[in-house]
Amino acid sequence: MSRLSTLTLSLVVAMSSLVPASAVAKRMNPNAFDQVMEPAEQPEPVAPSNGFAQPPPGAAPHADVYEAPNAIRVAPHRTLDRATVRAALVQARTRNLAAFRAYQKAGVFPSNTMKGKKLNVWLDADGHFCAAATIIKASGQDDLVNKVAEQNNFIRLADVKQGPLMDWILTSGFTQDEIAAIQEPFMPVTQEPAIAPVEPILVDAKLRAKEDARLLAKYKQVDKQLVKNRTKSLDKATDRLMKNPTLAWQLLASSTDVDVLE
């Protein structure tokens, strides 16, 4: 062995006595060292000062429940609160009563020129609506009012059982009996009534004046009953509307200043 080789071997032996065997092994085969570490050389875990593990800076906060990006949210079940429904009916009743009083004040009523006895006339030949039709029209239901005039101009609201008119009654704040009382039928105001006259029928001035006086007296009487029976009628109207949740929710959606309870 040459002198240089002998010197190199001596240096390796000397260094091995000072450097841990694992370090030497790593130099000899670094890939094997990365795969398996000796237990004595594993790094000690460092606990944070407050004693709790902390997320790295900028990491998103931990969520207790994972929600998929496209998860479907189910709306909570809504409870139809009776007090809220009643409050909405109070609003409707107030508006409709105001429309009824405006109708009385205007004093322009349909003329029954079709029959020689009392008759419900929704719309007369001169374009005058009855009290009930006027109130419904004032609530924004123009199309409904016009459709009734075309399809059943002599309708009696007391006989209505279903459909858009029944829906309006249920959300009006009035009972069906009250709106039927408002729809007072008209006495004839001509001596020769006819359903489809060839020429316009002349309205008898005396009969017209007499009928106007009768209607005004009748309307005032009905108005007093509406005021007197307000609480009882609202309770009855609320009970009936609560049996139709879909219609009740529609009323609440269109009402103002009424807090809807979820």
C-alpha atoms as a PDB file:
ATOM      1  CA  MET A   1       0.000   0.000   0.000  1.00  0.00           C
ATOM      2  CA  SER A   2       1.276   3.420  -0.886  1.00  0.00           C
ATOM      3  CA  ARG A   3       2.029   6.020   1.700  1.00  0.00           C
ATOM      4  CA  LEU A   4      -0.809   8.273   0.422  1.00  0.00           C
ATOM      5  CA  SER A   5      -3.422   5.518   0.728  1.00  0.00           C
ATOM      6  CA  THR A   6      -2.263   4.701   4.246  1.00  0.00           C
ATOM      7  CA  LEU A   7      -2.663   8.344   5.274  1.00  0.00           C
ATOM      8  CA  THR A   8      -6.223   8.604   3.795  1.00  0.00           C
ATOM      9  CA  LEU A   9      -7.353   5.453   5.629  1.00  0.00           C
ATOM     10  CA  SER A  10      -6.024   6.814   8.896  1.00  0.00           C
ATOM     11  CA  LEU A  11      -8.002  10.028   8.472  1.00  0.00           C
ATOM     12  CA  VAL A  12     -11.268   8.193   7.796  1.00  0.00           C
ATOM     13  CA  VAL A  13     -10.814   6.063  10.931  1.00  0.00           C
ATOM     14  CA  ALA A  14     -10.102   9.139  13.009  1.00  0.00           C
ATOM     15  CA  MET A  15     -13.178  11.018  11.767  1.00  0.00           C
ATOM     16  CA  SER A  16     -15.459   8.048  12.340  1.00  0.00           C
ATOM     17  CA  SER A  17     -14.644   8.145  16.017  1.00  0.00           C
ATOM     18  CA  LEU A  18     -15.863  11.736  16.244  1.00  0.00           C
ATOM     19  CA  VAL A  19     -18.978  11.716  13.930  1.00  0.00           C
ATOM     20  CA  PRO A  20     -22.060   9.589  14.788  1.00  0.00           C
ATOM     21  CA  ALA A  21     -22.475   6.473  12.751  1.00  0.00           C
ATOM     22  CA  SER A  22     -25.766   7.761  11.329  1.00  0.00           C
ATOM     23  CA  ALA A  23     -24.081  10.813   9.887  1.00  0.00           C
ATOM     24  CA  VAL A  24     -21.466   8.661   8.236  1.00  0.00           C
ATOM     25  CA  ALA A  25     -24.158   6.361   6.928  1.00  0.00           C
ATOM     26  CA  LYS A  26     -25.999   9.305   5.470  1.00  0.00           C
ATOM     27  CA  ARG A  27     -22.924  10.381   3.610  1.00  0.00           C
ATOM     28  CA  MET A  28     -22.467   6.884   2.315  1.00  0.00           C
ATOM     29  CA  ASN A  29     -26.149   6.411   1.259  1.00  0.00           C
ATOM     30  CA  PRO A  30     -28.272   9.628   1.625  1.00  0.00           C
ATOM     31  CA  ASN A  31     -31.394   8.121  -0.026  1.00  0.00           C
ATOM     32  CA  ALA A  32     -31.641   5.320   2.503  1.00  0.00           C
ATOM     33  CA  PHE A  33     -31.284   7.816   5.362  1.00  0.00           C
ATOM     34  CA  ASP A  34     -34.226   9.913   4.150  1.00  0.00           C
ATOM     35  CA  GLN A  35     -36.501   6.898   4.196  1.00  0.00           C
ATOM     36  CA  VAL A  36     -35.700   5.662   7.734  1.00  0.00           C
ATOM     37  CA  MET A  37     -34.507   7.781  10.628  1.00  0.00           C
ATOM     38  CA  GLU A  38     -33.092   6.457  13.810  1.00  0.00           C
ATOM     39  CA  PRO A  39     -35.403   7.060  16.833  1.00  0.00           C
ATOM     40  CA  ALA A  40     -32.773   9.032  18.667  1.00  0.00           C
ATOM     41  CA  GLU A  41     -32.546  11.569  15.854  1.00  0.00           C
ATOM     42  CA  GLN A  42     -36.289  12.289  15.273  1.00  0.00           C
ATOM     43  CA  PRO A  43     -37.039  15.988  15.949  1.00  0.00           C
ATOM     44  CA  GLU A  44     -38.794  16.862  19.158  1.00  0.00           C
ATOM     45  CA  PRO A  45     -42.332  18.423  18.676  1.00  0.00           C
ATOM     46  CA  VAL A  46     -42.426  22.092  19.623  1.00  0.00           C
ATOM     47  CA  ALA A  47     -45.609  23.197  21.415  1.00  0.00           C
ATOM     48  CA  PRO A  48     -46.871  26.779  20.908  1.00  0.00           C
ATOM     49  CA  SER A  49     -46.726  29.175  23.799  1.00  0.00           C
ATOM     50  CA  ASN A  50     -50.484  29.012  24.461  1.00  0.00           C
ATOM     51  CA  GLY A  51     -50.589  25.235  24.581  1.00  0.00           C
ATOM     52  CA  PHE A  52     -52.870  24.782  21.519  1.00  0.00           C
ATOM     53  CA  ALA A  53     -52.017  23.871  17.969  1.00  0.00           C
ATOM     54  CA  GLN A  54     -52.302  26.869  15.668  1.00  0.00           C
ATOM     55  CA  PRO A  55     -53.005  26.875  11.909  1.00  0.00           C
ATOM     56  CA  PRO A  56     -50.253  28.234   9.693  1.00  0.00           C
ATOM     57  CA  PRO A  57     -50.488  31.926   8.770  1.00  0.00           C
ATOM     58  CA  GLY A  58     -53.061  32.570   6.011  1.00  0.00           C
ATOM     59  CA  ALA A  59     -54.781  29.194   6.434  1.00  0.00           C
ATOM     60  CA  ALA A  60     -58.596  29.095   6.237  1.00  0.00           C
ATOM     61  CA  PRO A  61     -60.407  28.769   9.592  1.00  0.00           C
ATOM     62  CA  HIS A  62     -61.398  25.270  10.632  1.00  0.00           C
ATOM     63  CA  ALA A  63     -65.009  24.353   9.845  1.00  0.00           C
ATOM     64  CA  ASP A  64     -66.870  21.992  12.134  1.00  0.00           C
ATOM     65  CA  VAL A  65     -69.102  20.723   9.290  1.00  0.00           C
ATOM     66  CA  TYR A  66     -67.943  20.236   5.748  1.00  0.00           C
ATOM     67  CA  GLU A  67     -70.333  21.479   3.051  1.00  0.00           C
ATOM     68  CA  ALA A  68     -69.865  20.487  -0.569  1.00  0.00           C
ATOM     69  CA  PRO A  69     -69.460  23.417  -2.980  1.00  0.00           C
ATOM     70  CA  ASN A  70     -72.709  22.552  -4.774  1.00  0.00           C
ATOM     71  CA  ALA A  71     -74.675  21.453  -1.735  1.00  0.00           C
ATOM     72  CA  ILE A  72     -78.423  22.114  -1.867  1.00  0.00           C
ATOM     73  CA  ARG A  73     -79.665  24.202   1.024  1.00  0.00           C
ATOM     74  CA  VAL A  74     -83.089  23.217   2.325  1.00  0.00           C
ATOM     75  CA  ALA A  75     -85.209  26.180   3.408  1.00  0.00           C
ATOM     76  CA  PRO A  76     -86.424  25.938   6.991  1.00  0.00           C
ATOM     77  CA  HIS A  77     -90.065  25.068   7.484  1.00  0.00           C
ATOM     78  CA  ARG A  78     -92.163  28.202   7.876  1.00  0.00           C
ATOM     79  CA  THR A  79     -94.944  28.345  10.393  1.00  0.00           C
ATOM     80  CA  LEU A  80     -98.118  30.222   9.503  1.00  0.00           C
ATOM     81  CA  ASP A  81     -98.687  32.472  12.480  1.00  0.00           C
ATOM     82  CA  ARG A  82    -102.341  33.233  13.169  1.00  0.00           C
ATOM     83  CA  ALA A  83    -101.663  36.660  14.661  1.00  0.00           C
ATOM     84  CA  THR A  84     -99.687  37.682  11.575  1.00  0.00           C
ATOM     85  CA  VAL A  85    -102.452  36.501   9.245  1.00  0.00           C
ATOM     86  CA  ARG A  86    -105.021  38.405  11.257  1.00  0.00           C
ATOM     87  CA  ALA A  87    -102.903  41.567  11.106  1.00  0.00           C
ATOM     88  CA  ALA A  88    -102.811  41.297   7.301  1.00  0.00           C
ATOM     89  CA  LEU A  89    -106.590  40.872   7.214  1.00  0.00           C
ATOM     90  CA  VAL A  90    -106.969  43.962   9.373  1.00  0.00           C
ATOM     91  CA  GLN A  91    -105.058  45.924   6.736  1.00  0.00           C
ATOM     92  CA  ALA A  92    -107.205  44.512   3.941  1.00  0.00           C
ATOM     93  CA  ARG A  93    -110.446  45.220   5.793  1.00  0.00           C
ATOM     94  CA  THR A  94    -109.374  48.800   6.476  1.00  0.00           C
ATOM     95  CA  ARG A  95    -108.584  49.462   2.808  1.00  0.00           C
ATOM     96  CA  ASN A  96    -111.774  47.824   1.574  1.00  0.00           C
ATOM     97  CA  LEU A  97    -113.955  49.676   4.077  1.00  0.00           C
ATOM     98  CA  ALA A  98    -112.390  52.952   2.918  1.00  0.00           C
ATOM     99  CA  ALA A  99    -113.244  52.038  -0.688  1.00  0.00           C
ATOM    100  CA  PHE A 100    -116.826  51.240   0.340  1.00  0.00           C
ATOM    101  CA  ARG A 101    -117.175  54.629   2.018  1.00  0.00           C
ATOM    102  CA  ALA A 102    -115.753  56.412  -1.014  1.00  0.00           C
ATOM    103  CA  TYR A 103    -118.382  54.619  -3.112  1.00  0.00           C
ATOM    104  CA  GLN A 104    -121.148  55.814  -0.811  1.00  0.00           C
ATOM    105  CA  LYS A 105    -119.852  59.362  -0.928  1.00  0.00           C
ATOM    106  CA  ALA A 106    -119.700  59.376  -4.733  1.00  0.00           C
ATOM    107  CA  GLY A 107    -123.372  58.382  -4.844  1.00  0.00           C
ATOM    108  CA  VAL A 108    -123.295  56.944  -8.396  1.00  0.00           C
ATOM    109  CA  PHE A 109    -124.979  53.547  -8.527  1.00  0.00           C
ATOM    110  CA  PRO A 110    -125.910  51.079 -11.284  1.00  0.00           C
ATOM    111  CA  SER A 111    -129.379  51.260 -12.806  1.00  0.00           C
ATOM    112  CA  ASN A 112    -131.515  48.155 -12.922  1.00  0.00           C
ATOM    113  CA  THR A 113    -133.157  48.509 -16.313  1.00  0.00           C
ATOM    114  CA  MET A 114    -133.339  44.745 -16.886  1.00  0.00           C
ATOM    115  CA  LYS A 115    -136.023  43.454 -14.539  1.00  0.00           C
ATOM    116  CA  GLY A 116    -139.060  44.754 -12.739  1.00  0.00           C
ATOM    117  CA  LYS A 117    -137.792  43.453  -9.391  1.00  0.00           C
ATOM    118  CA  LYS A 118    -134.616  43.479  -7.347  1.00  0.00           C
ATOM    119  CA  LEU A 119    -131.576  42.360  -9.284  1.00  0.00           C
ATOM    120  CA  ASN A 120    -127.838  42.158  -8.655  1.00  0.00           C
ATOM    121  CA  VAL A 121    -126.233  44.232 -11.392  1.00  0.00           C
ATOM    122  CA  TRP A 122    -122.433  44.021 -11.483  1.00  0.00           C
ATOM    123  CA  LEU A 123    -122.084  46.622 -14.263  1.00  0.00           C
ATOM    124  CA  ASP A 124    -124.878  48.612 -15.880  1.00  0.00           C
ATOM    125  CA  ALA A 125    -125.182  49.939 -19.432  1.00  0.00           C
ATOM    126  CA  ASP A 126    -123.703  53.299 -18.402  1.00  0.00           C
ATOM    127  CA  GLY A 127    -120.532  51.734 -16.992  1.00  0.00           C
ATOM    128  CA  HIS A 128    -121.425  51.984 -13.298  1.00  0.00           C
ATOM    129  CA  PHE A 129    -120.231  49.157 -11.044  1.00  0.00           C
ATOM    130  CA  CYS A 130    -121.999  47.890  -7.955  1.00  0.00           C
ATOM    131  CA  ALA A 131    -120.475  48.500  -4.511  1.00  0.00           C
ATOM    132  CA  ALA A 132    -118.774  45.082  -4.251  1.00  0.00           C
ATOM    133  CA  ALA A 133    -117.323  45.312  -7.762  1.00  0.00           C
ATOM    134  CA  THR A 134    -116.035  48.805  -7.023  1.00  0.00           C
ATOM    135  CA  ILE A 135    -114.277  47.656  -3.846  1.00  0.00           C
ATOM    136  CA  ILE A 136    -112.662  44.701  -5.627  1.00  0.00           C
ATOM    137  CA  LYS A 137    -111.597  46.969  -8.486  1.00  0.00           C
ATOM    138  CA  ALA A 138    -110.083  49.454  -6.014  1.00  0.00           C
ATOM    139  CA  SER A 139    -107.975  46.615  -4.569  1.00  0.00           C
ATOM    140  CA  GLY A 140    -106.247  46.254  -7.941  1.00  0.00           C
ATOM    141  CA  GLN A 141    -108.317  43.421  -9.406  1.00  0.00           C
ATOM    142  CA  ASP A 142    -109.410  45.210 -12.574  1.00  0.00           C
ATOM    143  CA  ASP A 143    -109.119  42.138 -14.792  1.00  0.00           C
ATOM    144  CA  LEU A 144    -111.171  40.030 -12.406  1.00  0.00           C
ATOM    145  CA  VAL A 145    -113.914  42.649 -12.170  1.00  0.00           C
ATOM    146  CA  ASN A 146    -114.118  43.029 -15.947  1.00  0.00           C
ATOM    147  CA  LYS A 147    -114.170  39.272 -16.472  1.00  0.00           C
ATOM    148  CA  VAL A 148    -117.091  38.861 -14.067  1.00  0.00           C
ATOM    149  CA  ALA A 149    -118.990  41.589 -15.912  1.00  0.00           C
ATOM    150  CA  GLU A 150    -118.498  39.721 -19.188  1.00  0.00           C
ATOM    151  CA  GLN A 151    -119.286  36.236 -17.936  1.00  0.00           C
ATOM    152  CA  ASN A 152    -121.871  36.658 -15.181  1.00  0.00           C
ATOM    153  CA  ASN A 153    -123.095  40.243 -14.826  1.00  0.00           C
ATOM    154  CA  PHE A 154    -125.878  39.248 -12.423  1.00  0.00           C
ATOM    155  CA  ILE A 155    -123.707  37.214 -10.060  1.00  0.00           C
ATOM    156  CA  ARG A 156    -124.548  36.924  -6.371  1.00  0.00           C
ATOM    157  CA  LEU A 157    -121.459  36.846  -4.163  1.00  0.00           C
ATOM    158  CA  ALA A 158    -123.402  34.960  -1.508  1.00  0.00           C
ATOM    159  CA  ASP A 159    -123.504  31.988  -3.911  1.00  0.00           C
ATOM    160  CA  VAL A 160    -119.766  31.941  -4.749  1.00  0.00           C
ATOM    161  CA  LYS A 161    -118.004  28.797  -3.552  1.00  0.00           C
ATOM    162  CA  GLN A 162    -114.589  28.820  -5.235  1.00  0.00           C
ATOM    163  CA  GLY A 163    -112.391  30.527  -7.805  1.00  0.00           C
ATOM    164  CA  PRO A 164    -110.751  33.983  -7.926  1.00  0.00           C
ATOM    165  CA  LEU A 165    -113.757  35.745  -6.424  1.00  0.00           C
ATOM    166  CA  MET A 166    -113.764  33.361  -3.477  1.00  0.00           C
ATOM    167  CA  ASP A 167    -110.036  33.917  -3.029  1.00  0.00           C
ATOM    168  CA  TRP A 168    -110.613  37.667  -2.919  1.00  0.00           C
ATOM    169  CA  ILE A 169    -113.373  37.297  -0.349  1.00  0.00           C
ATOM    170  CA  LEU A 170    -111.151  35.124   1.854  1.00  0.00           C
ATOM    171  CA  THR A 171    -108.379  37.749   1.814  1.00  0.00           C
ATOM    172  CA  SER A 172    -110.615  40.832   1.985  1.00  0.00           C
ATOM    173  CA  GLY A 173    -110.921  41.025   5.762  1.00  0.00           C
ATOM    174  CA  PHE A 174    -114.689  40.729   5.319  1.00  0.00           C
ATOM    175  CA  THR A 175    -116.754  37.627   5.839  1.00  0.00           C
ATOM    176  CA  GLN A 176    -118.740  36.339   2.899  1.00  0.00           C
ATOM    177  CA  ASP A 177    -121.951  37.451   4.586  1.00  0.00           C
ATOM    178  CA  GLU A 178    -120.585  40.992   4.904  1.00  0.00           C
ATOM    179  CA  ILE A 179    -119.532  41.301   1.274  1.00  0.00           C
ATOM    180  CA  ALA A 180    -122.890  39.876   0.234  1.00  0.00           C
ATOM    181  CA  ALA A 181    -124.607  42.577   2.321  1.00  0.00           C
ATOM    182  CA  ILE A 182    -122.477  45.229   0.618  1.00  0.00           C
ATOM    183  CA  GLN A 183    -123.627  43.845  -2.738  1.00  0.00           C
ATOM    184  CA  GLU A 184    -127.165  45.081  -2.242  1.00  0.00           C
ATOM    185  CA  PRO A 185    -129.381  44.256  -5.277  1.00  0.00           C
ATOM    186  CA  PHE A 186    -131.017  47.147  -7.135  1.00  0.00           C
ATOM    187  CA  MET A 187    -134.636  48.026  -7.571  1.00  0.00           C
ATOM    188  CA  PRO A 188    -135.790  48.881 -11.145  1.00  0.00           C
ATOM    189  CA  VAL A 189    -135.500  52.515 -12.171  1.00  0.00           C
ATOM    190  CA  THR A 190    -137.578  52.315 -15.351  1.00  0.00           C
ATOM    191  CA  GLN A 191    -141.166  51.544 -16.207  1.00  0.00           C
ATOM    192  CA  GLU A 192    -140.243  49.199 -19.086  1.00  0.00           C
ATOM    193  CA  PRO A 193    -137.298  47.017 -18.174  1.00  0.00           C
ATOM    194  CA  ALA A 194    -135.611  44.905 -20.845  1.00  0.00           C
ATOM    195  CA  ILE A 195    -132.507  42.684 -20.905  1.00  0.00           C
ATOM    196  CA  ALA A 196    -131.294  43.730 -24.359  1.00  0.00           C
ATOM    197  CA  PRO A 197    -133.086  46.871 -25.486  1.00  0.00           C
ATOM    198  CA  VAL A 198    -132.890  47.964 -29.101  1.00  0.00           C
ATOM    199  CA  GLU A 199    -132.724  51.541 -27.940  1.00  0.00           C
ATOM    200  CA  PRO A 200    -131.432  52.891 -24.611  1.00  0.00           C
ATOM    201  CA  ILE A 201    -134.096  52.660 -21.933  1.00  0.00           C
ATOM    202  CA  LEU A 202    -134.963  55.949 -20.299  1.00  0.00           C
ATOM    203  CA  VAL A 203    -134.367  55.983 -16.568  1.00  0.00           C
ATOM    204  CA  ASP A 204    -137.283  57.351 -14.581  1.00  0.00           C
ATOM    205  CA  ALA A 205    -135.920  60.297 -12.571  1.00  0.00           C
ATOM    206  CA  LYS A 206    -138.284  59.754  -9.633  1.00  0.00           C
ATOM    207  CA  LEU A 207    -137.487  56.050  -9.439  1.00  0.00           C
ATOM    208  CA  ARG A 208    -133.785  56.843  -9.681  1.00  0.00           C
ATOM    209  CA  ALA A 209    -133.941  59.377  -6.829  1.00  0.00           C
ATOM    210  CA  LYS A 210    -135.950  56.980  -4.705  1.00  0.00           C
ATOM    211  CA  GLU A 211    -133.513  54.159  -5.345  1.00  0.00           C
ATOM    212  CA  ASP A 212    -130.508  56.358  -4.547  1.00  0.00           C
ATOM    213  CA  ALA A 213    -132.023  57.305  -1.191  1.00  0.00           C
ATOM    214  CA  ARG A 214    -132.795  53.660  -0.407  1.00  0.00           C
ATOM    215  CA  LEU A 215    -129.283  52.527  -1.307  1.00  0.00           C
ATOM    216  CA  LEU A 216    -127.599  55.225   0.751  1.00  0.00           C
ATOM    217  CA  ALA A 217    -129.675  54.282   3.791  1.00  0.00           C
ATOM    218  CA  LYS A 218    -128.889  50.591   3.224  1.00  0.00           C
ATOM    219  CA  TYR A 219    -125.179  51.220   2.826  1.00  0.00           C
ATOM    220  CA  LYS A 220    -125.031  53.273   6.017  1.00  0.00           C
ATOM    221  CA  GLN A 221    -126.737  50.447   7.858  1.00  0.00           C
ATOM    222  CA  VAL A 222    -124.261  47.918   6.497  1.00  0.00           C
ATOM    223  CA  ASP A 223    -121.368  50.247   7.374  1.00  0.00           C
ATOM    224  CA  LYS A 224    -122.495  50.404  10.993  1.00  0.00           C
ATOM    225  CA  GLN A 225    -122.661  46.617  11.155  1.00  0.00           C
ATOM    226  CA  LEU A 226    -119.164  46.339   9.727  1.00  0.00           C
ATOM    227  CA  VAL A 227    -117.851  48.577  12.490  1.00  0.00           C
ATOM    228  CA  LYS A 228    -119.852  46.833  15.203  1.00  0.00           C
ATOM    229  CA  ASN A 229    -118.847  43.312  14.186  1.00  0.00           C
ATOM    230  CA  ARG A 230    -115.228  44.119  13.336  1.00  0.00           C
ATOM    231  CA  THR A 231    -113.531  41.928  15.958  1.00  0.00           C
ATOM    232  CA  LYS A 232    -115.829  38.950  15.556  1.00  0.00           C
ATOM    233  CA  SER A 233    -115.744  39.139  11.773  1.00  0.00           C
ATOM    234  CA  LEU A 234    -111.931  39.365  11.669  1.00  0.00           C
ATOM    235  CA  ASP A 235    -111.657  36.308  13.899  1.00  0.00           C
ATOM    236  CA  LYS A 236    -114.012  34.404  11.633  1.00  0.00           C
ATOM    237  CA  ALA A 237    -112.186  35.543   8.505  1.00  0.00           C
ATOM    238  CA  THR A 238    -108.834  34.556  10.049  1.00  0.00           C
ATOM    239  CA  ASP A 239    -110.069  31.095  11.000  1.00  0.00           C
ATOM    240  CA  ARG A 240    -111.301  30.482   7.492  1.00  0.00           C
ATOM    241  CA  LEU A 241    -108.149  31.763   5.798  1.00  0.00           C
ATOM    242  CA  MET A 242    -105.904  29.665   8.055  1.00  0.00           C
ATOM    243  CA  LYS A 243    -107.486  26.609   6.423  1.00  0.00           C
ATOM    244  CA  ASN A 244    -105.971  27.760   3.128  1.00  0.00           C
ATOM    245  CA  PRO A 245    -102.229  28.203   3.888  1.00  0.00           C
ATOM    246  CA  THR A 246    -101.227  28.892   0.295  1.00  0.00           C
ATOM    247  CA  LEU A 247    -103.684  31.772   0.008  1.00  0.00           C
ATOM    248  CA  ALA A 248    -102.677  33.046   3.441  1.00  0.00           C
ATOM    249  CA  TRP A 249     -99.002  33.197   2.425  1.00  0.00           C
ATOM    250  CA  GLN A 250     -99.975  35.067  -0.724  1.00  0.00           C
ATOM    251  CA  LEU A 251    -101.784  37.648   1.384  1.00  0.00           C
ATOM    252  CA  LEU A 252     -98.782  38.055   3.687  1.00  0.00           C
ATOM    253  CA  ALA A 253     -96.470  38.478   0.707  1.00  0.00           C
ATOM    254  CA  SER A 254     -98.584  41.362  -0.609  1.00  0.00           C
ATOM    255  CA  SER A 255     -99.143  43.031   2.769  1.00  0.00           C
ATOM    256  CA  THR A 256     -97.122  45.961   4.086  1.00  0.00           C
ATOM    257  CA  ASP A 257     -95.893  46.663   7.617  1.00  0.00           C
ATOM    258  CA  VAL A 258     -96.729  43.116   8.678  1.00  0.00           C
ATOM    259  CA  ASP A 259     -93.873  41.108  10.198  1.00  0.00           C
ATOM    260  CA  VAL A 260     -93.923  37.580   8.819  1.00  0.00           C
ATOM    261  CA  LEU A 261     -92.779  35.073  11.419  1.00  0.00           C
ATOM    262  CA  GLU A 262     -90.588  32.250  10.137  1.00  0.00           C
END
